[in-house]
Protein backbone atom coordinates (compact mmCIF):
# COMPACT_ATOMS: atom_id res chain seq x y z
CA MET A 1 -49.22 16.81 26.23
CA LYS A 2 -51.85 14.15 26.28
CA GLN A 3 -53.74 14.50 23.01
CA LEU A 4 -57.48 14.60 22.77
CA ILE A 5 -58.49 12.65 19.66
CA ILE A 6 -62.12 12.55 18.64
CA LEU A 7 -63.11 10.30 15.76
CA LEU A 8 -65.80 11.86 13.66
CA GLY A 9 -68.21 9.96 11.47
CA ILE A 10 -71.41 10.65 9.62
CA ILE A 11 -74.33 10.59 12.06
CA THR A 12 -75.93 7.61 10.35
CA THR A 13 -72.74 5.52 10.35
CA PRO A 14 -70.56 4.06 13.12
CA PHE A 15 -67.34 5.80 14.24
CA TYR A 16 -64.14 4.30 12.88
CA VAL A 17 -60.38 4.85 12.82
CA VAL A 18 -58.78 6.47 9.76
CA ALA A 19 -56.48 4.28 7.67
CA GLN A 20 -52.81 5.27 7.66
CA ASP A 21 -52.70 6.02 3.94
CA THR A 22 -55.39 8.71 3.96
CA ILE A 23 -54.40 11.82 5.89
CA PRO A 24 -51.33 12.60 8.04
CA LYS A 25 -51.95 11.24 11.54
CA PRO A 26 -50.72 13.03 14.67
CA GLY A 27 -47.21 12.06 15.72
CA SER A 28 -45.90 11.54 19.23
CA TYR A 29 -44.67 15.15 19.44
CA ASP A 30 -47.67 16.83 17.80
CA GLU A 31 -49.27 19.52 19.93
CA GLY A 32 -52.92 20.53 19.97
CA TYR A 33 -56.29 18.83 19.97
CA PHE A 34 -57.41 16.77 17.00
CA PHE A 35 -60.71 15.85 15.36
CA ILE A 36 -60.23 13.05 12.84
CA GLY A 37 -62.68 11.82 10.18
CA PRO A 38 -62.37 9.50 7.17
CA ASP A 39 -61.00 12.20 4.87
CA ASP A 40 -60.57 15.15 7.21
CA LEU A 41 -58.44 16.29 10.12
CA LEU A 42 -59.03 19.40 12.24
CA LYS A 43 -56.44 20.54 14.77
CA PHE A 44 -56.66 23.37 17.31
CA LYS A 45 -53.43 24.70 18.77
CA GLY A 46 -52.08 27.85 20.35
CA TYR A 47 -49.54 29.44 22.64
CA ALA A 48 -48.97 32.52 24.79
CA GLN A 49 -45.87 34.39 25.94
CA PHE A 50 -45.74 36.47 29.14
CA ASP A 51 -42.67 38.75 29.03
CA GLY A 52 -40.83 41.00 31.44
CA TYR A 53 -38.35 43.67 30.30
CA PHE A 54 -35.92 45.23 32.79
CA PRO A 55 -33.43 47.87 31.53
CA ALA A 56 -30.18 48.01 33.50
CA GLY A 57 -28.29 51.17 34.39
CA ASN A 58 -28.31 54.29 32.23
CA THR A 59 -30.17 52.76 29.29
CA PRO A 60 -33.34 53.54 27.29
CA GLY A 61 -36.73 51.95 27.86
CA VAL A 62 -38.85 51.21 30.92
CA SER A 63 -39.38 48.05 32.95
CA GLU A 64 -42.65 46.36 32.12
CA PHE A 65 -44.68 43.16 31.95
CA LEU A 66 -46.70 42.35 28.85
CA ILE A 67 -48.40 39.60 26.88
CA ARG A 68 -45.93 39.62 24.00
CA ARG A 69 -47.76 37.02 21.94
CA ALA A 70 -51.02 35.11 22.20
CA ARG A 71 -51.88 32.93 19.21
CA LEU A 72 -54.73 30.57 18.31
CA ALA A 73 -54.88 28.43 15.15
CA ALA A 74 -57.22 26.00 13.47
CA THR A 75 -55.54 23.89 10.82
CA GLY A 76 -56.01 20.57 9.13
CA TYR A 77 -56.77 18.59 6.00
CA PHE A 78 -59.84 17.73 4.00
CA GLN A 79 -60.30 15.37 1.06
CA LYS A 80 -56.87 13.99 1.92
CA LYS A 81 -54.85 16.37 -0.26
CA PHE A 82 -55.97 19.85 0.78
CA ARG A 83 -54.55 21.62 3.83
CA TYR A 84 -55.96 24.79 5.38
CA MET A 85 -55.04 27.26 8.13
CA LEU A 86 -56.80 30.01 10.09
CA TYR A 87 -54.37 31.65 12.47
CA ALA A 88 -55.23 34.63 14.71
CA SER A 89 -52.99 36.65 17.00
CA PHE A 90 -53.83 38.67 20.10
CA ASP A 91 -50.35 40.11 20.65
CA LYS A 92 -50.27 42.86 23.29
CA GLY A 93 -54.08 42.58 23.45
CA LYS A 94 -54.65 43.52 19.78
CA PRO A 95 -56.55 41.01 17.61
CA ALA A 96 -55.29 40.43 14.06
CA LEU A 97 -55.34 37.80 11.32
CA ASN A 98 -51.91 36.27 10.77
CA GLU A 99 -52.66 33.47 8.33
CA ALA A 100 -55.55 32.26 6.20
CA PHE A 101 -54.52 29.93 3.40
CA LEU A 102 -55.38 26.85 1.39
CA GLU A 103 -52.86 24.32 0.08
CA ALA A 104 -53.15 21.75 -2.70
CA ARG A 105 -50.73 18.94 -1.78
CA HIS A 106 -51.25 16.48 -4.63
CA LEU A 107 -47.56 16.60 -5.63
CA ALA A 108 -44.89 16.42 -2.93
CA PHE A 109 -42.42 18.29 -5.13
CA ALA A 110 -44.88 21.03 -6.16
CA LYS A 111 -47.47 22.03 -3.57
CA LEU A 112 -49.54 25.16 -4.15
CA ARG A 113 -50.52 27.60 -1.37
CA VAL A 114 -52.71 30.71 -1.75
CA GLY A 115 -53.86 33.24 0.84
CA GLN A 116 -52.10 35.15 3.61
CA PHE A 117 -49.09 33.48 5.25
CA LYS A 118 -45.39 33.93 5.97
CA VAL A 119 -43.27 34.85 2.99
CA PRO A 120 -40.63 32.12 2.36
CA PHE A 121 -37.64 34.25 3.33
CA SER A 122 -35.00 33.74 6.08
CA GLN A 123 -34.79 30.66 8.30
CA SER A 124 -35.21 32.81 11.43
CA ASN A 125 -38.31 34.53 10.05
CA LEU A 126 -39.90 31.22 9.04
CA ARG A 127 -39.36 29.60 12.44
CA SER A 128 -42.39 29.87 14.73
CA SER A 129 -42.02 32.42 17.52
CA SER A 130 -42.78 29.58 19.96
CA GLN A 131 -39.62 27.75 18.80
CA LEU A 132 -37.14 30.62 18.94
CA ASP A 133 -33.91 30.05 20.85
CA PHE A 134 -34.04 33.66 22.10
CA ILE A 135 -36.78 36.04 23.21
CA GLY A 136 -36.39 38.15 20.08
CA ARG A 137 -35.26 37.51 16.52
CA PRO A 138 -32.01 39.15 15.38
CA PHE A 139 -32.35 42.88 14.72
CA ILE A 140 -31.66 42.66 10.97
CA ILE A 141 -34.28 39.92 10.52
CA GLU A 142 -36.99 41.42 12.72
CA ASN A 143 -36.84 44.80 10.99
CA PHE A 144 -35.96 43.99 7.35
CA SER A 145 -37.10 40.49 6.41
CA PRO A 146 -40.47 40.13 4.65
CA SER A 147 -42.96 38.50 7.00
CA TYR A 148 -46.71 37.89 6.59
CA ASP A 149 -48.18 38.90 3.22
CA ILE A 150 -50.93 38.01 0.73
CA GLY A 151 -50.04 35.99 -2.33
CA ALA A 152 -49.30 32.52 -3.72
CA ILE A 153 -46.36 30.11 -3.70
CA VAL A 154 -45.30 26.80 -5.20
CA PHE A 155 -43.05 24.78 -2.90
CA GLY A 156 -41.77 21.27 -2.32
CA ASN A 157 -38.81 18.96 -1.83
CA ASP A 158 -37.16 15.89 -3.33
CA LYS A 159 -37.74 12.41 -1.92
CA GLN A 160 -34.37 12.26 -0.17
CA LYS A 161 -34.96 15.74 1.33
CA ARG A 162 -31.64 16.95 0.03
CA PHE A 163 -33.31 20.24 -0.88
CA ASP A 164 -36.53 22.16 -0.53
CA TYR A 165 -37.61 25.26 -2.39
CA ALA A 166 -40.34 27.90 -2.62
CA ILE A 167 -41.21 30.42 -5.34
CA GLY A 168 -43.94 32.98 -4.82
CA ILE A 169 -45.58 36.26 -5.74
CA PHE A 170 -46.99 38.68 -3.14
CA ASN A 171 -48.53 42.13 -2.88
CA GLY A 172 -45.55 43.29 -0.83
CA GLN A 173 -47.64 45.45 1.51
CA GLY A 174 -47.67 43.12 4.52
CA ALA A 175 -50.47 41.38 6.41
CA ASN A 176 -54.09 42.51 6.10
CA LYS A 177 -53.29 45.37 3.72
CA ARG A 178 -54.75 46.14 0.30
CA GLU A 179 -52.47 46.56 -2.70
CA ASN A 180 -51.86 50.16 -3.87
CA ASN A 181 -49.94 49.64 -7.12
CA ASN A 182 -49.44 47.15 -9.96
CA GLY A 183 -45.99 46.10 -8.80
CA LYS A 184 -45.59 42.75 -7.04
CA LEU A 185 -42.94 41.21 -4.80
CA MET A 186 -41.32 38.11 -6.28
CA VAL A 187 -39.76 35.80 -3.68
CA GLY A 188 -37.65 32.64 -3.91
CA ARG A 189 -35.96 30.42 -1.35
CA LEU A 190 -33.77 27.31 -1.61
CA VAL A 191 -32.41 25.14 1.21
CA ILE A 192 -29.99 22.28 0.64
CA ALA A 193 -28.81 19.52 2.99
CA PRO A 194 -25.70 18.31 1.11
CA PHE A 195 -24.76 15.60 3.61
CA ILE A 196 -28.20 14.34 4.66
CA SER A 197 -27.34 10.79 3.53
CA SER A 198 -23.97 10.75 5.28
CA ASN A 199 -23.20 8.42 8.20
CA ILE A 200 -21.10 11.10 9.86
CA ASP A 201 -23.14 12.82 12.59
CA GLY A 202 -20.93 15.90 12.50
CA ILE A 203 -22.05 16.93 9.01
CA LYS A 204 -25.31 15.04 8.43
CA LYS A 205 -27.58 17.82 9.74
CA LEU A 206 -26.02 20.79 8.00
CA TYR A 207 -28.48 23.03 6.09
CA LEU A 208 -27.54 25.89 3.77
CA GLY A 209 -30.20 28.32 2.61
CA GLY A 210 -30.62 31.34 0.37
CA SER A 211 -33.51 33.77 -0.09
CA PHE A 212 -34.26 36.52 -2.62
CA ALA A 213 -37.07 39.08 -2.93
CA HIS A 214 -37.52 41.79 -5.54
CA GLY A 215 -40.36 44.04 -6.64
CA ARG A 216 -41.62 47.55 -7.30
CA GLN A 217 -43.21 49.03 -4.20
CA LYS A 218 -45.33 52.00 -3.23
CA LYS A 219 -44.86 52.18 0.51
CA ASP A 220 -45.37 54.64 3.35
CA PHE A 221 -42.20 55.00 5.47
CA ALA A 222 -43.57 57.90 7.55
CA LYS A 223 -42.77 57.43 11.26
CA LEU A 224 -41.43 53.91 10.64
CA ASP A 225 -39.17 52.78 13.49
CA TYR A 226 -36.49 50.08 13.54
CA THR A 227 -36.51 48.75 17.10
CA THR A 228 -34.73 46.34 19.45
CA ALA A 229 -36.42 43.23 20.88
CA SER A 230 -37.83 45.29 23.77
CA GLY A 231 -39.17 48.00 21.45
CA VAL A 232 -36.47 50.71 21.79
CA PRO A 233 -36.40 52.77 18.54
CA VAL A 234 -32.85 53.17 17.20
CA PHE A 235 -33.62 54.48 13.69
CA SER A 236 -36.76 56.45 12.80
CA PHE A 237 -38.09 58.06 9.64
CA THR A 238 -39.70 61.48 9.80
CA ASN A 239 -43.11 62.53 8.46
CA SER A 240 -44.23 62.39 4.83
CA ILE A 241 -41.74 59.78 3.59
CA MET A 242 -42.91 57.59 0.71
CA GLN A 243 -41.28 55.05 -1.55
CA GLU A 244 -42.12 54.56 -5.20
CA GLY A 245 -39.36 52.33 -6.50
CA ARG A 246 -37.82 48.90 -6.42
CA THR A 247 -37.00 46.94 -3.28
CA THR A 248 -34.42 44.16 -3.37
CA ILE A 249 -33.67 41.88 -0.40
CA TYR A 250 -31.42 38.86 -0.34
CA GLY A 251 -29.86 36.69 2.32
CA TYR A 252 -27.95 33.53 3.14
CA ASP A 253 -28.36 31.29 6.18
CA LEU A 254 -26.88 28.25 7.86
CA GLU A 255 -28.19 25.70 10.36
CA TRP A 256 -26.02 22.99 11.88
CA TYR A 257 -27.13 20.40 14.44
CA ILE A 258 -24.84 17.97 16.27
CA LYS A 259 -26.72 16.07 18.98
CA SER A 260 -27.27 18.59 21.84
CA PHE A 261 -25.44 21.41 20.04
CA SER A 262 -26.61 23.79 17.31
CA VAL A 263 -25.21 26.71 15.34
CA LYS A 264 -27.26 29.16 13.26
CA GLY A 265 -26.09 32.10 11.20
CA GLU A 266 -27.54 34.48 8.66
CA TYR A 267 -26.73 37.49 6.47
CA LEU A 268 -29.36 39.85 5.03
CA ASN A 269 -29.02 42.75 2.58
CA TYR A 270 -31.85 45.27 2.07
CA ASN A 271 -32.05 47.96 -0.61
CA ALA A 272 -35.01 50.31 -1.21
CA LYS A 273 -34.89 52.71 -4.13
CA ASN A 274 -36.45 56.17 -4.41
CA LEU A 275 -37.61 57.17 -0.95
CA TYR A 276 -38.72 60.76 -1.27
CA LYS A 277 -39.86 63.77 0.71
CA SER A 278 -41.15 66.74 -1.28
CA ASN A 279 -38.94 66.76 -4.40
CA SER A 280 -35.89 65.06 -2.90
CA GLY A 281 -35.15 61.37 -3.54
CA PHE A 282 -33.06 58.93 -1.50
CA ASN A 283 -31.95 55.29 -1.60
CA HIS A 284 -31.99 53.24 1.59
CA SER A 285 -29.48 50.39 1.97
CA SER A 286 -28.91 48.25 5.07
CA ASP A 287 -27.28 44.91 5.83
CA GLY A 288 -26.38 42.77 8.78
CA TYR A 289 -25.58 39.34 10.11
CA TYR A 290 -25.74 37.20 13.24
CA ILE A 291 -24.19 34.00 14.54
CA ALA A 292 -25.85 32.01 17.34
CA ALA A 293 -25.11 28.81 19.26
CA THR A 294 -27.08 26.64 21.71
CA PHE A 295 -26.20 23.68 23.91
CA LEU A 296 -28.55 21.42 25.88
CA LEU A 297 -26.83 20.71 29.19
CA THR A 298 -29.22 17.86 30.04
CA GLY A 299 -28.42 15.78 26.96
CA GLU A 300 -31.55 16.09 24.82
CA GLU A 301 -31.11 16.16 21.07
CA LYS A 302 -31.57 19.49 19.31
CA LYS A 303 -33.78 18.93 16.26
CA ARG A 304 -34.58 21.21 13.36
CA ASN A 305 -38.05 22.82 13.51
CA ASP A 306 -39.09 20.78 16.54
CA PHE A 307 -39.85 21.34 20.21
CA ILE A 308 -37.54 20.19 22.98
CA LYS A 309 -38.97 17.27 24.94
CA PRO A 310 -37.10 16.89 28.27
CA GLN A 311 -35.81 13.43 29.15
CA LYS A 312 -37.03 14.08 32.70
CA GLU A 313 -40.03 16.41 32.81
CA PHE A 314 -40.25 18.83 35.73
CA GLU A 315 -41.58 17.15 38.88
CA LEU A 316 -40.41 18.89 42.02
CA ASN A 317 -41.34 16.12 44.44
CA LYS A 318 -39.25 13.65 42.41
CA GLY A 319 -36.26 15.94 41.96
CA ARG A 320 -36.74 16.27 38.21
CA TRP A 321 -36.00 19.65 36.67
CA GLY A 322 -36.70 19.32 32.96
CA ALA A 323 -34.16 20.39 30.32
CA LEU A 324 -31.67 23.27 30.44
CA GLU A 325 -30.15 24.99 27.42
CA LEU A 326 -27.44 27.65 27.17
CA THR A 327 -27.67 30.20 24.32
CA ALA A 328 -25.42 32.93 22.91
CA ARG A 329 -25.72 35.26 19.90
CA TYR A 330 -23.66 38.03 18.34
CA GLU A 331 -25.10 40.33 15.68
CA LYS A 332 -24.06 43.42 13.74
CA THR A 333 -26.21 45.69 11.56
CA ASN A 334 -25.42 48.62 9.23
CA LEU A 335 -28.63 50.65 9.22
CA SER A 336 -27.80 53.19 6.55
CA ARG A 337 -24.99 53.07 4.00
CA THR A 338 -26.18 56.36 2.51
CA ASN A 339 -26.84 59.74 4.16
CA LEU A 340 -30.50 59.77 5.24
CA SER A 341 -30.21 62.60 7.78
CA ALA A 342 -32.77 64.66 5.85
CA ILE A 343 -35.50 62.05 6.27
CA ALA A 344 -34.48 59.96 9.31
CA LYS A 345 -32.78 60.14 12.68
CA GLY A 346 -30.88 57.69 14.85
CA THR A 347 -27.75 55.59 14.59
CA ASP A 348 -26.35 54.26 11.31
CA GLY A 349 -25.38 50.94 12.89
CA LEU A 350 -25.22 48.75 15.98
CA ALA A 351 -23.66 45.63 17.44
CA SER A 352 -25.27 43.37 20.03
CA PHE A 353 -24.51 40.35 22.19
CA THR A 354 -27.17 38.22 23.88
CA GLY A 355 -26.62 35.40 26.34
CA GLY A 356 -29.31 33.31 27.90
CA VAL A 357 -30.78 30.18 29.42
CA ASN A 358 -33.83 28.21 28.26
CA TRP A 359 -35.59 26.03 30.84
CA TYR A 360 -37.97 23.46 29.36
CA LEU A 361 -40.17 22.20 32.22
CA ASN A 362 -41.88 19.86 29.75
CA ASP A 363 -42.74 20.00 26.05
CA ASP A 364 -45.49 22.56 26.75
CA VAL A 365 -43.96 25.03 29.22
CA LYS A 366 -40.75 27.01 28.70
CA VAL A 367 -39.00 29.74 30.72
CA VAL A 368 -36.45 31.96 28.97
CA MET A 369 -33.94 34.43 30.38
CA ASN A 370 -31.84 36.68 28.10
CA TYR A 371 -29.42 39.47 28.84
CA SER A 372 -28.76 41.73 25.83
CA TYR A 373 -26.16 44.43 25.33
CA TYR A 374 -26.48 46.85 22.38
CA LYS A 375 -23.77 49.32 21.32
CA PHE A 376 -24.83 52.06 18.88
CA ASN A 377 -22.49 53.78 16.40
CA GLN A 378 -23.98 57.15 17.32
CA LYS A 379 -26.11 58.24 20.23
CA ILE A 380 -29.85 57.64 19.90
CA ILE A 381 -32.42 59.99 21.43
CA VAL A 382 -35.21 58.38 23.49
CA ASP A 383 -37.54 60.57 25.57
CA ASP A 384 -35.22 63.53 24.88
CA LYS A 385 -32.22 61.71 26.40
CA PRO A 386 -29.09 60.52 24.53
CA PHE A 387 -27.92 56.91 24.79
CA LEU A 388 -24.91 55.12 23.30
CA LYS A 389 -25.76 51.65 24.63
CA ASN A 390 -28.64 49.54 25.88
CA ASN A 391 -28.42 46.86 28.57
CA ILE A 392 -31.55 44.88 29.28
CA LEU A 393 -32.69 41.72 31.05
CA LEU A 394 -35.56 39.95 29.29
CA LEU A 395 -37.67 37.18 30.83
CA ARG A 396 -40.36 34.99 29.27
CA VAL A 397 -42.82 32.33 30.42
CA GLN A 398 -44.41 30.45 27.50
CA TYR A 399 -47.03 27.74 27.33
CA GLN A 400 -48.51 25.98 24.34
CA PHE A 401 -51.17 23.44 23.60
């Protein structure tokens, strides 16, 4: 996208270009619109996703169109070393605050961030929804990984970028929610790139990560649903379910990039102590994993945490079709390793396979098609009907600026 850059100056002084050693300047792949001053940078960016869900055969759910996500952010720097973010969502037509934080970036190896933002847990959770290889995140990540929360972290990396880390403390209640107890959620994440300095392309871009979260929680589980990417509930808690106990979550992940090819995998384990209804107490334990692969048929390089820029952007009159990418993912989740029939209903596990195609018309517009098949360990009940599987075609049109 052609960037709009406006140089700001004090009214009584001439406009001028910022020196390179002051604030980070926009790169060739940066999206959004920028206002740049001598010590400040303000960037507006956003994206929207128009989805269509089409169940196939005897399967739960209804066909529908929806605005799955609509996001708008203002971010930037001031006084060279402070970064800020205000990030609002309008997903499915409902306004909400996703992020509002301030960062002190005086030390590259120890930056400080305070406010509301994504908890540093799971590579899939931390990746922007606009950069996902599939329409939905894996089931185990979407339903069990910590996401947005209020707190503080210290994070950074070494000069060679062999590793990066984050350590933080959060309320543990989620986005836009007040704390209700003195317990806090402690979170840590470490990612290493052991071969980043290697001259061998096959191993150079291999990243290994681990995440850990632990804390005492007071949480309402009443009518909580664990759902598929299209919103089908497969495990649901009944009324009047509370937790007053410790929650422990840990996971491992892998990312591997070789030119046009990528592999990602992840394992997550979730354990919540002392869920209770009346005088009865229960422990809730779940775990799961996924493995995913992508391949760009048109030869573009797959980069970590970056958008795909087609070598030949879509121009119909010139016979240019953009970039095409094939995707595949297998996942398996154990939803309950203990008997929770007294406080929940649904299946105790599932397996799923998703195959798809990503069509990048340019670096701003993307079309995604996924076909997902879910197999449940036991029949789930949706609208008073039993189902043992779920077949669904998912479509997405996304634009960003």
